[in-house]
mmCIF file of all heavy atoms, coordinates in Angstrom:
data_MODEL
# 
_entry.id   MODEL 
# 
loop_
_atom_site.group_PDB 
_atom_site.id 
_atom_site.type_symbol 
_atom_site.label_atom_id 
_atom_site.label_alt_id 
_atom_site.label_comp_id 
_atom_site.label_asym_id 
_atom_site.label_entity_id 
_atom_site.label_seq_id 
_atom_site.pdbx_PDB_ins_code 
_atom_site.Cartn_x 
_atom_site.Cartn_y 
_atom_site.Cartn_z 
_atom_site.occupancy 
_atom_site.B_iso_or_equiv 
_atom_site.pdbx_formal_charge 
_atom_site.auth_seq_id 
_atom_site.auth_comp_id 
_atom_site.auth_asym_id 
_atom_site.auth_atom_id 
_atom_site.pdbx_PDB_model_num 
ATOM 1   N N   . ALA A 1 1  ? -6.237  6.553   3.355  1.00 0.00 ? 1  ALA A N   1 
ATOM 2   C CA  . ALA A 1 1  ? -5.668  7.386   2.287  1.00 0.00 ? 1  ALA A CA  1 
ATOM 3   C C   . ALA A 1 1  ? -6.362  7.087   0.963  1.00 0.00 ? 1  ALA A C   1 
ATOM 4   O O   . ALA A 1 1  ? -6.685  7.995   0.200  1.00 0.00 ? 1  ALA A O   1 
ATOM 5   C CB  . ALA A 1 1  ? -4.164  7.154   2.176  1.00 0.00 ? 1  ALA A CB  1 
ATOM 6   N N   . LEU A 1 2  ? -6.597  5.816   0.703  1.00 0.00 ? 2  LEU A N   1 
ATOM 7   C CA  . LEU A 1 2  ? -7.262  5.414   -0.539 1.00 0.00 ? 2  LEU A CA  1 
ATOM 8   C C   . LEU A 1 2  ? -8.665  5.997   -0.616 1.00 0.00 ? 2  LEU A C   1 
ATOM 9   O O   . LEU A 1 2  ? -9.070  6.539   -1.651 1.00 0.00 ? 2  LEU A O   1 
ATOM 10  C CB  . LEU A 1 2  ? -7.301  3.892   -0.638 1.00 0.00 ? 2  LEU A CB  1 
ATOM 11  C CG  . LEU A 1 2  ? -7.905  3.319   -1.893 1.00 0.00 ? 2  LEU A CG  1 
ATOM 12  C CD1 . LEU A 1 2  ? -7.013  3.629   -3.089 1.00 0.00 ? 2  LEU A CD1 1 
ATOM 13  C CD2 . LEU A 1 2  ? -8.090  1.828   -1.754 1.00 0.00 ? 2  LEU A CD2 1 
ATOM 14  N N   . VAL A 1 3  ? -9.402  5.919   0.476  1.00 0.00 ? 3  VAL A N   1 
ATOM 15  C CA  . VAL A 1 3  ? -10.771 6.442   0.499  1.00 0.00 ? 3  VAL A CA  1 
ATOM 16  C C   . VAL A 1 3  ? -10.769 7.956   0.290  1.00 0.00 ? 3  VAL A C   1 
ATOM 17  O O   . VAL A 1 3  ? -11.644 8.491   -0.385 1.00 0.00 ? 3  VAL A O   1 
ATOM 18  C CB  . VAL A 1 3  ? -11.473 6.054   1.820  1.00 0.00 ? 3  VAL A CB  1 
ATOM 19  C CG1 . VAL A 1 3  ? -12.795 6.775   1.979  1.00 0.00 ? 3  VAL A CG1 1 
ATOM 20  C CG2 . VAL A 1 3  ? -11.672 4.538   1.874  1.00 0.00 ? 3  VAL A CG2 1 
ATOM 21  N N   . ARG A 1 4  ? -9.760  8.640   0.838  1.00 0.00 ? 4  ARG A N   1 
ATOM 22  C CA  . ARG A 1 4  ? -9.643  10.090  0.639  1.00 0.00 ? 4  ARG A CA  1 
ATOM 23  C C   . ARG A 1 4  ? -9.203  10.448  -0.775 1.00 0.00 ? 4  ARG A C   1 
ATOM 24  O O   . ARG A 1 4  ? -9.200  11.603  -1.159 1.00 0.00 ? 4  ARG A O   1 
ATOM 25  C CB  . ARG A 1 4  ? -8.616  10.675  1.615  1.00 0.00 ? 4  ARG A CB  1 
ATOM 26  C CG  . ARG A 1 4  ? -9.059  10.816  3.029  1.00 0.00 ? 4  ARG A CG  1 
ATOM 27  C CD  . ARG A 1 4  ? -8.083  11.652  3.849  1.00 0.00 ? 4  ARG A CD  1 
ATOM 28  N NE  . ARG A 1 4  ? -6.694  11.314  3.658  1.00 0.00 ? 4  ARG A NE  1 
ATOM 29  C CZ  . ARG A 1 4  ? -6.000  10.409  4.352  1.00 0.00 ? 4  ARG A CZ  1 
ATOM 30  N NH1 . ARG A 1 4  ? -6.602  9.713   5.291  1.00 0.00 ? 4  ARG A NH1 1 
ATOM 31  N NH2 . ARG A 1 4  ? -4.725  10.197  4.110  1.00 0.00 ? 4  ARG A NH2 1 
ATOM 32  N N   . GLY A 1 5  ? -8.775  9.439   -1.528 1.00 0.00 ? 5  GLY A N   1 
ATOM 33  C CA  . GLY A 1 5  ? -8.300  9.701   -2.877 1.00 0.00 ? 5  GLY A CA  1 
ATOM 34  C C   . GLY A 1 5  ? -6.803  9.941   -2.944 1.00 0.00 ? 5  GLY A C   1 
ATOM 35  O O   . GLY A 1 5  ? -6.282  10.301  -3.993 1.00 0.00 ? 5  GLY A O   1 
ATOM 36  N N   . ASP A 1 6  ? -6.106  9.742   -1.834 1.00 0.00 ? 6  ASP A N   1 
ATOM 37  C CA  . ASP A 1 6  ? -4.658  9.934   -1.794 1.00 0.00 ? 6  ASP A CA  1 
ATOM 38  C C   . ASP A 1 6  ? -3.975  8.607   -2.114 1.00 0.00 ? 6  ASP A C   1 
ATOM 39  O O   . ASP A 1 6  ? -3.406  7.939   -1.254 1.00 0.00 ? 6  ASP A O   1 
ATOM 40  C CB  . ASP A 1 6  ? -4.229  10.460  -0.423 1.00 0.00 ? 6  ASP A CB  1 
ATOM 41  C CG  . ASP A 1 6  ? -2.782  10.904  -0.378 1.00 0.00 ? 6  ASP A CG  1 
ATOM 42  O OD1 . ASP A 1 6  ? -2.041  10.658  -1.358 1.00 0.00 ? 6  ASP A OD1 1 
ATOM 43  O OD2 . ASP A 1 6  ? -2.388  11.497  0.648  1.00 0.00 ? 6  ASP A OD2 1 
ATOM 44  N N   . HIS A 1 7  ? -4.045  8.228   -3.377 1.00 0.00 ? 7  HIS A N   1 
ATOM 45  C CA  . HIS A 1 7  ? -3.498  6.942   -3.811 1.00 0.00 ? 7  HIS A CA  1 
ATOM 46  C C   . HIS A 1 7  ? -1.991  6.866   -3.632 1.00 0.00 ? 7  HIS A C   1 
ATOM 47  O O   . HIS A 1 7  ? -1.457  5.806   -3.320 1.00 0.00 ? 7  HIS A O   1 
ATOM 48  C CB  . HIS A 1 7  ? -3.869  6.686   -5.273 1.00 0.00 ? 7  HIS A CB  1 
ATOM 49  C CG  . HIS A 1 7  ? -5.339  6.602   -5.489 1.00 0.00 ? 7  HIS A CG  1 
ATOM 50  N ND1 . HIS A 1 7  ? -6.030  5.430   -5.424 1.00 0.00 ? 7  HIS A ND1 1 
ATOM 51  C CD2 . HIS A 1 7  ? -6.264  7.564   -5.759 1.00 0.00 ? 7  HIS A CD2 1 
ATOM 52  C CE1 . HIS A 1 7  ? -7.311  5.650   -5.646 1.00 0.00 ? 7  HIS A CE1 1 
ATOM 53  N NE2 . HIS A 1 7  ? -7.477  6.942   -5.850 1.00 0.00 ? 7  HIS A NE2 1 
ATOM 54  N N   . ALA A 1 8  ? -1.324  7.985   -3.828 1.00 0.00 ? 8  ALA A N   1 
ATOM 55  C CA  . ALA A 1 8  ? 0.134   7.990   -3.687 1.00 0.00 ? 8  ALA A CA  1 
ATOM 56  C C   . ALA A 1 8  ? 0.541   7.614   -2.262 1.00 0.00 ? 8  ALA A C   1 
ATOM 57  O O   . ALA A 1 8  ? 1.484   6.844   -2.056 1.00 0.00 ? 8  ALA A O   1 
ATOM 58  C CB  . ALA A 1 8  ? 0.700   9.356   -4.060 1.00 0.00 ? 8  ALA A CB  1 
ATOM 59  N N   . LYS A 1 9  ? -0.182  8.131   -1.269 1.00 0.00 ? 9  LYS A N   1 
ATOM 60  C CA  . LYS A 1 9  ? 0.128   7.781   0.122  1.00 0.00 ? 9  LYS A CA  1 
ATOM 61  C C   . LYS A 1 9  ? -0.179  6.312   0.385  1.00 0.00 ? 9  LYS A C   1 
ATOM 62  O O   . LYS A 1 9  ? 0.593   5.629   1.065  1.00 0.00 ? 9  LYS A O   1 
ATOM 63  C CB  . LYS A 1 9  ? -0.654  8.659   1.095  1.00 0.00 ? 9  LYS A CB  1 
ATOM 64  C CG  . LYS A 1 9  ? -0.312  8.356   2.545  1.00 0.00 ? 9  LYS A CG  1 
ATOM 65  C CD  . LYS A 1 9  ? -0.963  9.305   3.506  1.00 0.00 ? 9  LYS A CD  1 
ATOM 66  C CE  . LYS A 1 9  ? -0.512  8.978   4.923  1.00 0.00 ? 9  LYS A CE  1 
ATOM 67  N NZ  . LYS A 1 9  ? -1.085  9.926   5.889  1.00 0.00 ? 9  LYS A NZ  1 
ATOM 68  N N   . ALA A 1 10 ? -1.293  5.815   -0.140 1.00 0.00 ? 10 ALA A N   1 
ATOM 69  C CA  . ALA A 1 10 ? -1.624  4.401   0.045  1.00 0.00 ? 10 ALA A CA  1 
ATOM 70  C C   . ALA A 1 10 ? -0.525  3.519   -0.535 1.00 0.00 ? 10 ALA A C   1 
ATOM 71  O O   . ALA A 1 10 ? -0.097  2.552   0.102  1.00 0.00 ? 10 ALA A O   1 
ATOM 72  C CB  . ALA A 1 10 ? -2.975  4.085   -0.602 1.00 0.00 ? 10 ALA A CB  1 
ATOM 73  N N   . VAL A 1 11 ? -0.045  3.861   -1.715 1.00 0.00 ? 11 VAL A N   1 
ATOM 74  C CA  . VAL A 1 11 ? 1.035   3.091   -2.342 1.00 0.00 ? 11 VAL A CA  1 
ATOM 75  C C   . VAL A 1 11 ? 2.291   3.152   -1.478 1.00 0.00 ? 11 VAL A C   1 
ATOM 76  O O   . VAL A 1 11 ? 2.946   2.131   -1.250 1.00 0.00 ? 11 VAL A O   1 
ATOM 77  C CB  . VAL A 1 11 ? 1.310   3.592   -3.777 1.00 0.00 ? 11 VAL A CB  1 
ATOM 78  C CG1 . VAL A 1 11 ? 2.602   3.011   -4.329 1.00 0.00 ? 11 VAL A CG1 1 
ATOM 79  C CG2 . VAL A 1 11 ? 0.131   3.242   -4.683 1.00 0.00 ? 11 VAL A CG2 1 
ATOM 80  N N   . ARG A 1 12 ? 2.621   4.341   -0.956 1.00 0.00 ? 12 ARG A N   1 
ATOM 81  C CA  . ARG A 1 12 ? 3.807   4.472   -0.090 1.00 0.00 ? 12 ARG A CA  1 
ATOM 82  C C   . ARG A 1 12 ? 3.677   3.614   1.168  1.00 0.00 ? 12 ARG A C   1 
ATOM 83  O O   . ARG A 1 12 ? 4.666   3.072   1.659  1.00 0.00 ? 12 ARG A O   1 
ATOM 84  C CB  . ARG A 1 12 ? 4.019   5.931   0.317  1.00 0.00 ? 12 ARG A CB  1 
ATOM 85  C CG  . ARG A 1 12 ? 4.653   6.786   -0.740 1.00 0.00 ? 12 ARG A CG  1 
ATOM 86  C CD  . ARG A 1 12 ? 5.145   8.126   -0.186 1.00 0.00 ? 12 ARG A CD  1 
ATOM 87  N NE  . ARG A 1 12 ? 4.179   8.836   0.634  1.00 0.00 ? 12 ARG A NE  1 
ATOM 88  C CZ  . ARG A 1 12 ? 3.267   9.694   0.181  1.00 0.00 ? 12 ARG A CZ  1 
ATOM 89  N NH1 . ARG A 1 12 ? 3.202   9.949   -1.116 1.00 0.00 ? 12 ARG A NH1 1 
ATOM 90  N NH2 . ARG A 1 12 ? 2.447   10.307  1.004  1.00 0.00 ? 12 ARG A NH2 1 
ATOM 91  N N   . LEU A 1 13 ? 2.473   3.504   1.708  1.00 0.00 ? 13 LEU A N   1 
ATOM 92  C CA  . LEU A 1 13 ? 2.273   2.710   2.919  1.00 0.00 ? 13 LEU A CA  1 
ATOM 93  C C   . LEU A 1 13 ? 2.259   1.212   2.616  1.00 0.00 ? 13 LEU A C   1 
ATOM 94  O O   . LEU A 1 13 ? 2.722   0.412   3.433  1.00 0.00 ? 13 LEU A O   1 
ATOM 95  C CB  . LEU A 1 13 ? 0.972   3.127   3.613  1.00 0.00 ? 13 LEU A CB  1 
ATOM 96  C CG  . LEU A 1 13 ? 1.004   4.518   4.240  1.00 0.00 ? 13 LEU A CG  1 
ATOM 97  C CD1 . LEU A 1 13 ? -0.397  4.950   4.645  1.00 0.00 ? 13 LEU A CD1 1 
ATOM 98  C CD2 . LEU A 1 13 ? 1.941   4.543   5.433  1.00 0.00 ? 13 LEU A CD2 1 
ATOM 99  N N   . TRP A 1 14 ? 1.708   0.814   1.473  1.00 0.00 ? 14 TRP A N   1 
ATOM 100 C CA  . TRP A 1 14 ? 1.650   -0.612  1.129  1.00 0.00 ? 14 TRP A CA  1 
ATOM 101 C C   . TRP A 1 14 ? 2.987   -1.166  0.677  1.00 0.00 ? 14 TRP A C   1 
ATOM 102 O O   . TRP A 1 14 ? 3.298   -2.323  0.935  1.00 0.00 ? 14 TRP A O   1 
ATOM 103 C CB  . TRP A 1 14 ? 0.643   -0.859  0.009  1.00 0.00 ? 14 TRP A CB  1 
ATOM 104 C CG  . TRP A 1 14 ? -0.777  -0.881  0.440  1.00 0.00 ? 14 TRP A CG  1 
ATOM 105 C CD1 . TRP A 1 14 ? -1.287  -1.424  1.585  1.00 0.00 ? 14 TRP A CD1 1 
ATOM 106 C CD2 . TRP A 1 14 ? -1.888  -0.351  -0.273 1.00 0.00 ? 14 TRP A CD2 1 
ATOM 107 N NE1 . TRP A 1 14 ? -2.636  -1.252  1.621  1.00 0.00 ? 14 TRP A NE1 1 
ATOM 108 C CE2 . TRP A 1 14 ? -3.036  -0.603  0.495  1.00 0.00 ? 14 TRP A CE2 1 
ATOM 109 C CE3 . TRP A 1 14 ? -2.007  0.301   -1.492 1.00 0.00 ? 14 TRP A CE3 1 
ATOM 110 C CZ2 . TRP A 1 14 ? -4.304  -0.227  0.092  1.00 0.00 ? 14 TRP A CZ2 1 
ATOM 111 C CZ3 . TRP A 1 14 ? -3.272  0.679   -1.902 1.00 0.00 ? 14 TRP A CZ3 1 
ATOM 112 C CH2 . TRP A 1 14 ? -4.406  0.418   -1.115 1.00 0.00 ? 14 TRP A CH2 1 
ATOM 113 N N   . ARG A 1 15 ? 3.780   -0.360  -0.003 1.00 0.00 ? 15 ARG A N   1 
ATOM 114 C CA  . ARG A 1 15 ? 5.006   -0.871  -0.626 1.00 0.00 ? 15 ARG A CA  1 
ATOM 115 C C   . ARG A 1 15 ? 5.942   -1.585  0.358  1.00 0.00 ? 15 ARG A C   1 
ATOM 116 O O   . ARG A 1 15 ? 6.392   -2.690  0.067  1.00 0.00 ? 15 ARG A O   1 
ATOM 117 C CB  . ARG A 1 15 ? 5.741   0.224   -1.384 1.00 0.00 ? 15 ARG A CB  1 
ATOM 118 C CG  . ARG A 1 15 ? 6.927   -0.329  -2.181 1.00 0.00 ? 15 ARG A CG  1 
ATOM 119 C CD  . ARG A 1 15 ? 7.562   0.698   -3.090 1.00 0.00 ? 15 ARG A CD  1 
ATOM 120 N NE  . ARG A 1 15 ? 6.624   1.350   -3.982 1.00 0.00 ? 15 ARG A NE  1 
ATOM 121 C CZ  . ARG A 1 15 ? 6.153   0.836   -5.124 1.00 0.00 ? 15 ARG A CZ  1 
ATOM 122 N NH1 . ARG A 1 15 ? 6.551   -0.353  -5.512 1.00 0.00 ? 15 ARG A NH1 1 
ATOM 123 N NH2 . ARG A 1 15 ? 5.309   1.504   -5.878 1.00 0.00 ? 15 ARG A NH2 1 
ATOM 124 N N   . PRO A 1 16 ? 6.278   -1.014  1.524  1.00 0.00 ? 16 PRO A N   1 
ATOM 125 C CA  . PRO A 1 16 ? 7.200   -1.734  2.419  1.00 0.00 ? 16 PRO A CA  1 
ATOM 126 C C   . PRO A 1 16 ? 6.662   -3.099  2.851  1.00 0.00 ? 16 PRO A C   1 
ATOM 127 O O   . PRO A 1 16 ? 7.399   -4.086  2.881  1.00 0.00 ? 16 PRO A O   1 
ATOM 128 C CB  . PRO A 1 16 ? 7.348   -0.798  3.619  1.00 0.00 ? 16 PRO A CB  1 
ATOM 129 C CG  . PRO A 1 16 ? 6.976   0.551   3.112  1.00 0.00 ? 16 PRO A CG  1 
ATOM 130 C CD  . PRO A 1 16 ? 5.952   0.316   2.034  1.00 0.00 ? 16 PRO A CD  1 
ATOM 131 N N   . ALA A 1 17 ? 5.365   -3.163  3.150  1.00 0.00 ? 17 ALA A N   1 
ATOM 132 C CA  . ALA A 1 17 ? 4.776   -4.444  3.549  1.00 0.00 ? 17 ALA A CA  1 
ATOM 133 C C   . ALA A 1 17 ? 4.784   -5.419  2.379  1.00 0.00 ? 17 ALA A C   1 
ATOM 134 O O   . ALA A 1 17 ? 5.066   -6.612  2.559  1.00 0.00 ? 17 ALA A O   1 
ATOM 135 C CB  . ALA A 1 17 ? 3.348   -4.233  4.054  1.00 0.00 ? 17 ALA A CB  1 
ATOM 136 N N   . ALA A 1 18 ? 4.498   -4.927  1.185  1.00 0.00 ? 18 ALA A N   1 
ATOM 137 C CA  . ALA A 1 18 ? 4.500   -5.784  -0.003 1.00 0.00 ? 18 ALA A CA  1 
ATOM 138 C C   . ALA A 1 18 ? 5.896   -6.330  -0.262 1.00 0.00 ? 18 ALA A C   1 
ATOM 139 O O   . ALA A 1 18 ? 6.062   -7.512  -0.583 1.00 0.00 ? 18 ALA A O   1 
ATOM 140 C CB  . ALA A 1 18 ? 3.991   -5.008  -1.213 1.00 0.00 ? 18 ALA A CB  1 
ATOM 141 N N   . GLU A 1 19 ? 6.900   -5.475  -0.104 1.00 0.00 ? 19 GLU A N   1 
ATOM 142 C CA  . GLU A 1 19 ? 8.281   -5.915  -0.321 1.00 0.00 ? 19 GLU A CA  1 
ATOM 143 C C   . GLU A 1 19 ? 8.731   -6.928  0.722  1.00 0.00 ? 19 GLU A C   1 
ATOM 144 O O   . GLU A 1 19 ? 9.607   -7.747  0.470  1.00 0.00 ? 19 GLU A O   1 
ATOM 145 C CB  . GLU A 1 19 ? 9.212   -4.703  -0.341 1.00 0.00 ? 19 GLU A CB  1 
ATOM 146 C CG  . GLU A 1 19 ? 9.025   -3.861  -1.594 1.00 0.00 ? 19 GLU A CG  1 
ATOM 147 C CD  . GLU A 1 19 ? 9.783   -2.549  -1.575 1.00 0.00 ? 19 GLU A CD  1 
ATOM 148 O OE1 . GLU A 1 19 ? 10.312  -2.155  -0.501 1.00 0.00 ? 19 GLU A OE1 1 
ATOM 149 O OE2 . GLU A 1 19 ? 9.835   -1.906  -2.641 1.00 0.00 ? 19 GLU A OE2 1 
ATOM 150 N N   . GLU A 1 20 ? 8.101   -6.910  1.912  1.00 0.00 ? 20 GLU A N   1 
ATOM 151 C CA  . GLU A 1 20 ? 8.403   -7.882  2.967  1.00 0.00 ? 20 GLU A CA  1 
ATOM 152 C C   . GLU A 1 20 ? 7.630   -9.181  2.783  1.00 0.00 ? 20 GLU A C   1 
ATOM 153 O O   . GLU A 1 20 ? 7.788   -10.112 3.557  1.00 0.00 ? 20 GLU A O   1 
ATOM 154 C CB  . GLU A 1 20 ? 8.084   -7.292  4.339  1.00 0.00 ? 20 GLU A CB  1 
ATOM 155 C CG  . GLU A 1 20 ? 9.021   -6.184  4.754  1.00 0.00 ? 20 GLU A CG  1 
ATOM 156 C CD  . GLU A 1 20 ? 8.633   -5.567  6.082  1.00 0.00 ? 20 GLU A CD  1 
ATOM 157 O OE1 . GLU A 1 20 ? 7.740   -6.109  6.766  1.00 0.00 ? 20 GLU A OE1 1 
ATOM 158 O OE2 . GLU A 1 20 ? 9.212   -4.536  6.433  1.00 0.00 ? 20 GLU A OE2 1 
ATOM 159 N N   . GLY A 1 21 ? 6.762   -9.235  1.774  1.00 0.00 ? 21 GLY A N   1 
ATOM 160 C CA  . GLY A 1 21 ? 6.040   -10.464 1.478  1.00 0.00 ? 21 GLY A CA  1 
ATOM 161 C C   . GLY A 1 21 ? 4.600   -10.495 1.928  1.00 0.00 ? 21 GLY A C   1 
ATOM 162 O O   . GLY A 1 21 ? 3.959   -11.549 1.904  1.00 0.00 ? 21 GLY A O   1 
ATOM 163 N N   . ASN A 1 22 ? 4.039   -9.358  2.330  1.00 0.00 ? 22 ASN A N   1 
ATOM 164 C CA  . ASN A 1 22 ? 2.650   -9.305  2.762  1.00 0.00 ? 22 ASN A CA  1 
ATOM 165 C C   . ASN A 1 22 ? 1.733   -9.461  1.553  1.00 0.00 ? 22 ASN A C   1 
ATOM 166 O O   . ASN A 1 22 ? 1.701   -8.601  0.670  1.00 0.00 ? 22 ASN A O   1 
ATOM 167 C CB  . ASN A 1 22 ? 2.395   -7.971  3.482  1.00 0.00 ? 22 ASN A CB  1 
ATOM 168 C CG  . ASN A 1 22 ? 0.973   -7.835  3.948  1.00 0.00 ? 22 ASN A CG  1 
ATOM 169 O OD1 . ASN A 1 22 ? 0.062   -7.796  3.132  1.00 0.00 ? 22 ASN A OD1 1 
ATOM 170 N ND2 . ASN A 1 22 ? 0.791   -7.759  5.242  1.00 0.00 ? 22 ASN A ND2 1 
ATOM 171 N N   . ALA A 1 23 ? 0.983   -10.569 1.519  1.00 0.00 ? 23 ALA A N   1 
ATOM 172 C CA  . ALA A 1 23 ? 0.133   -10.875 0.364  1.00 0.00 ? 23 ALA A CA  1 
ATOM 173 C C   . ALA A 1 23 ? -0.966  -9.840  0.168  1.00 0.00 ? 23 ALA A C   1 
ATOM 174 O O   . ALA A 1 23 ? -1.305  -9.501  -0.969 1.00 0.00 ? 23 ALA A O   1 
ATOM 175 C CB  . ALA A 1 23 ? -0.478  -12.267 0.515  1.00 0.00 ? 23 ALA A CB  1 
ATOM 176 N N   . GLU A 1 24 ? -1.541  -9.338  1.253  1.00 0.00 ? 24 GLU A N   1 
ATOM 177 C CA  . GLU A 1 24 ? -2.608  -8.355  1.124  1.00 0.00 ? 24 GLU A CA  1 
ATOM 178 C C   . GLU A 1 24 ? -2.081  -7.049  0.524  1.00 0.00 ? 24 GLU A C   1 
ATOM 179 O O   . GLU A 1 24 ? -2.722  -6.454  -0.335 1.00 0.00 ? 24 GLU A O   1 
ATOM 180 C CB  . GLU A 1 24 ? -3.261  -8.084  2.485  1.00 0.00 ? 24 GLU A CB  1 
ATOM 181 C CG  . GLU A 1 24 ? -4.101  -9.237  2.991  1.00 0.00 ? 24 GLU A CG  1 
ATOM 182 C CD  . GLU A 1 24 ? -3.289  -10.306 3.707  1.00 0.00 ? 24 GLU A CD  1 
ATOM 183 O OE1 . GLU A 1 24 ? -2.095  -10.058 4.026  1.00 0.00 ? 24 GLU A OE1 1 
ATOM 184 O OE2 . GLU A 1 24 ? -3.822  -11.390 3.946  1.00 0.00 ? 24 GLU A OE2 1 
ATOM 185 N N   . ALA A 1 25 ? -0.909  -6.626  0.991  1.00 0.00 ? 25 ALA A N   1 
ATOM 186 C CA  . ALA A 1 25 ? -0.320  -5.401  0.440  1.00 0.00 ? 25 ALA A CA  1 
ATOM 187 C C   . ALA A 1 25 ? 0.071   -5.605  -1.018 1.00 0.00 ? 25 ALA A C   1 
ATOM 188 O O   . ALA A 1 25 ? -0.111  -4.710  -1.850 1.00 0.00 ? 25 ALA A O   1 
ATOM 189 C CB  . ALA A 1 25 ? 0.900   -4.984  1.274  1.00 0.00 ? 25 ALA A CB  1 
ATOM 190 N N   . GLN A 1 26 ? 0.591   -6.786  -1.342 1.00 0.00 ? 26 GLN A N   1 
ATOM 191 C CA  . GLN A 1 26 ? 0.948   -7.091  -2.733 1.00 0.00 ? 26 GLN A CA  1 
ATOM 192 C C   . GLN A 1 26 ? -0.286  -7.029  -3.618 1.00 0.00 ? 26 GLN A C   1 
ATOM 193 O O   . GLN A 1 26 ? -0.266  -6.447  -4.705 1.00 0.00 ? 26 GLN A O   1 
ATOM 194 C CB  . GLN A 1 26 ? 1.606   -8.464  -2.824 1.00 0.00 ? 26 GLN A CB  1 
ATOM 195 C CG  . GLN A 1 26 ? 2.968   -8.518  -2.182 1.00 0.00 ? 26 GLN A CG  1 
ATOM 196 C CD  . GLN A 1 26 ? 3.462   -9.935  -1.998 1.00 0.00 ? 26 GLN A CD  1 
ATOM 197 O OE1 . GLN A 1 26 ? 2.695   -10.904 -2.007 1.00 0.00 ? 26 GLN A OE1 1 
ATOM 198 N NE2 . GLN A 1 26 ? 4.774   -10.076 -1.806 1.00 0.00 ? 26 GLN A NE2 1 
ATOM 199 N N   . SER A 1 27 ? -1.365  -7.626  -3.152 1.00 0.00 ? 27 SER A N   1 
ATOM 200 C CA  . SER A 1 27 ? -2.610  -7.622  -3.921 1.00 0.00 ? 27 SER A CA  1 
ATOM 201 C C   . SER A 1 27 ? -3.152  -6.205  -4.089 1.00 0.00 ? 27 SER A C   1 
ATOM 202 O O   . SER A 1 27 ? -3.623  -5.834  -5.167 1.00 0.00 ? 27 SER A O   1 
ATOM 203 C CB  . SER A 1 27 ? -3.643  -8.513  -3.221 1.00 0.00 ? 27 SER A CB  1 
ATOM 204 O OG  . SER A 1 27 ? -4.842  -8.540  -3.947 1.00 0.00 ? 27 SER A OG  1 
# 
């Protein structure tokens, strides 16, 4: 999604993992 320029989708996909403590998603 990020490569396609769909940043909003990338953020939606990263957020749940980041909230669960995933360091890569948080970064």
